[in-house]
Amino acid sequence: MKPAKSLKQQARVAEKAARQAADEFVAGQMKALASAFRAQAKILKKKKKKPS
């Protein structure tokens, strides 16, 4: 699996865990993690498209 796709999948899993978390603090942490995964995937995709 490509790195960007893998990061997006991890973001989906983190968001799912955030929805299922009983603790609000943990849910917030998982949402932040999902956001970080998406940002990383966006950067990787941008780097790939940029001509060398």
N, C-alpha and C. Protein backbone atom coordinates (compact mmCIF):
# COMPACT_ATOMS: atom_id res chain seq x y z
N MET A 1 0.84 -1.17 0.00
CA MET A 1 0.00 0.00 0.00
C MET A 1 0.89 1.24 0.00
N LYS A 2 0.49 2.24 -0.74
CA LYS A 2 1.25 3.48 -0.82
C LYS A 2 1.18 4.23 0.51
N PRO A 3 2.24 4.98 0.84
CA PRO A 3 2.29 5.67 2.14
C PRO A 3 1.11 6.63 2.37
N ALA A 4 0.75 7.42 1.39
CA ALA A 4 -0.35 8.38 1.57
C ALA A 4 -1.67 7.65 1.82
N LYS A 5 -1.89 6.59 1.11
CA LYS A 5 -3.12 5.81 1.28
C LYS A 5 -3.14 5.16 2.66
N SER A 6 -2.00 4.68 3.09
CA SER A 6 -1.89 4.06 4.41
C SER A 6 -2.19 5.08 5.51
N LEU A 7 -1.67 6.30 5.35
CA LEU A 7 -1.92 7.34 6.35
C LEU A 7 -3.40 7.72 6.40
N LYS A 8 -4.03 7.77 5.25
CA LYS A 8 -5.46 8.09 5.21
C LYS A 8 -6.27 7.00 5.90
N GLN A 9 -5.87 5.74 5.70
CA GLN A 9 -6.55 4.63 6.36
C GLN A 9 -6.37 4.73 7.87
N GLN A 10 -5.17 5.06 8.32
CA GLN A 10 -4.92 5.23 9.75
C GLN A 10 -5.76 6.36 10.31
N ALA A 11 -5.96 7.42 9.53
CA ALA A 11 -6.80 8.54 9.96
C ALA A 11 -8.24 8.08 10.14
N ARG A 12 -8.73 7.27 9.21
CA ARG A 12 -10.10 6.74 9.34
C ARG A 12 -10.24 5.89 10.60
N VAL A 13 -9.25 5.06 10.88
CA VAL A 13 -9.27 4.21 12.06
C VAL A 13 -9.24 5.06 13.33
N ALA A 14 -8.43 6.10 13.35
CA ALA A 14 -8.34 6.98 14.51
C ALA A 14 -9.66 7.72 14.74
N GLU A 15 -10.31 8.15 13.68
CA GLU A 15 -11.60 8.82 13.82
C GLU A 15 -12.67 7.86 14.34
N LYS A 16 -12.62 6.64 13.87
CA LYS A 16 -13.56 5.62 14.35
C LYS A 16 -13.35 5.38 15.84
N ALA A 17 -12.10 5.30 16.26
CA ALA A 17 -11.78 5.11 17.67
C ALA A 17 -12.25 6.32 18.49
N ALA A 18 -12.13 7.52 17.92
CA ALA A 18 -12.58 8.73 18.61
C ALA A 18 -14.08 8.70 18.83
N ARG A 19 -14.82 8.24 17.84
CA ARG A 19 -16.28 8.17 17.97
C ARG A 19 -16.69 7.15 19.04
N GLN A 20 -15.90 6.08 19.18
CA GLN A 20 -16.26 5.02 20.11
C GLN A 20 -15.69 5.25 21.51
N ALA A 21 -14.81 6.22 21.67
CA ALA A 21 -14.17 6.45 22.97
C ALA A 21 -15.17 6.99 23.98
N ALA A 22 -15.12 6.43 25.18
CA ALA A 22 -16.01 6.89 26.24
C ALA A 22 -15.47 8.17 26.88
N ASP A 23 -14.16 8.31 26.91
CA ASP A 23 -13.51 9.46 27.52
C ASP A 23 -13.36 10.59 26.50
N GLU A 24 -13.80 11.78 26.88
CA GLU A 24 -13.75 12.92 25.96
C GLU A 24 -12.31 13.32 25.63
N PHE A 25 -11.42 13.21 26.61
CA PHE A 25 -10.01 13.56 26.39
C PHE A 25 -9.39 12.64 25.34
N VAL A 26 -9.65 11.34 25.47
CA VAL A 26 -9.12 10.36 24.52
C VAL A 26 -9.70 10.61 23.14
N ALA A 27 -10.97 10.93 23.07
CA ALA A 27 -11.61 11.22 21.79
C ALA A 27 -10.93 12.40 21.11
N GLY A 28 -10.63 13.43 21.88
CA GLY A 28 -9.94 14.60 21.33
C GLY A 28 -8.55 14.26 20.83
N GLN A 29 -7.85 13.42 21.57
CA GLN A 29 -6.51 13.00 21.16
C GLN A 29 -6.57 12.20 19.86
N MET A 30 -7.54 11.33 19.73
CA MET A 30 -7.67 10.52 18.52
C MET A 30 -8.04 11.39 17.31
N LYS A 31 -8.88 12.40 17.53
CA LYS A 31 -9.22 13.33 16.45
C LYS A 31 -7.99 14.11 15.99
N ALA A 32 -7.18 14.52 16.97
CA ALA A 32 -5.95 15.24 16.63
C ALA A 32 -4.99 14.34 15.86
N LEU A 33 -4.93 13.08 16.25
CA LEU A 33 -4.07 12.11 15.56
C LEU A 33 -4.55 11.92 14.12
N ALA A 34 -5.85 11.82 13.93
CA ALA A 34 -6.41 11.66 12.59
C ALA A 34 -6.07 12.88 11.74
N SER A 35 -6.17 14.05 12.32
CA SER A 35 -5.83 15.28 11.60
C SER A 35 -4.36 15.28 11.19
N ALA A 36 -3.50 14.83 12.09
CA ALA A 36 -2.07 14.78 11.79
C ALA A 36 -1.78 13.79 10.67
N PHE A 37 -2.45 12.65 10.70
CA PHE A 37 -2.28 11.65 9.63
C PHE A 37 -2.68 12.24 8.28
N ARG A 38 -3.79 12.96 8.25
CA ARG A 38 -4.25 13.56 6.98
C ARG A 38 -3.28 14.62 6.48
N ALA A 39 -2.76 15.41 7.39
CA ALA A 39 -1.79 16.45 7.01
C ALA A 39 -0.53 15.81 6.43
N GLN A 40 -0.08 14.74 7.05
CA GLN A 40 1.11 14.02 6.57
C GLN A 40 0.86 13.46 5.17
N ALA A 41 -0.32 12.86 4.96
CA ALA A 41 -0.66 12.30 3.66
C ALA A 41 -0.70 13.40 2.59
N LYS A 42 -1.24 14.55 2.95
CA LYS A 42 -1.32 15.67 2.01
C LYS A 42 0.07 16.13 1.60
N ILE A 43 0.98 16.21 2.56
CA ILE A 43 2.36 16.62 2.26
C ILE A 43 3.04 15.61 1.35
N LEU A 44 2.86 14.33 1.66
CA LEU A 44 3.48 13.29 0.82
C LEU A 44 2.96 13.35 -0.61
N LYS A 45 1.66 13.56 -0.74
CA LYS A 45 1.06 13.64 -2.07
C LYS A 45 1.57 14.85 -2.83
N LYS A 46 1.72 15.97 -2.13
CA LYS A 46 2.22 17.20 -2.75
C LYS A 46 3.66 17.01 -3.22
N LYS A 47 4.49 16.36 -2.38
CA LYS A 47 5.88 16.12 -2.74
C LYS A 47 5.98 15.24 -3.98
N LYS A 48 5.10 14.26 -4.08
CA LYS A 48 5.13 13.33 -5.20
C LYS A 48 4.77 14.06 -6.50
N LYS A 49 3.81 14.98 -6.43
CA LYS A 49 3.37 15.70 -7.63
C LYS A 49 4.37 16.74 -8.09
N LYS A 50 5.16 17.27 -7.14
CA LYS A 50 6.12 18.32 -7.45
C LYS A 50 7.23 17.77 -8.35
N PRO A 51 7.49 18.42 -9.51
CA PRO A 51 8.55 17.94 -10.40
C PRO A 51 9.92 18.12 -9.76
N SER A 52 10.75 17.13 -9.95
CA SER A 52 12.10 17.16 -9.36
C SER A 52 13.10 17.80 -10.28
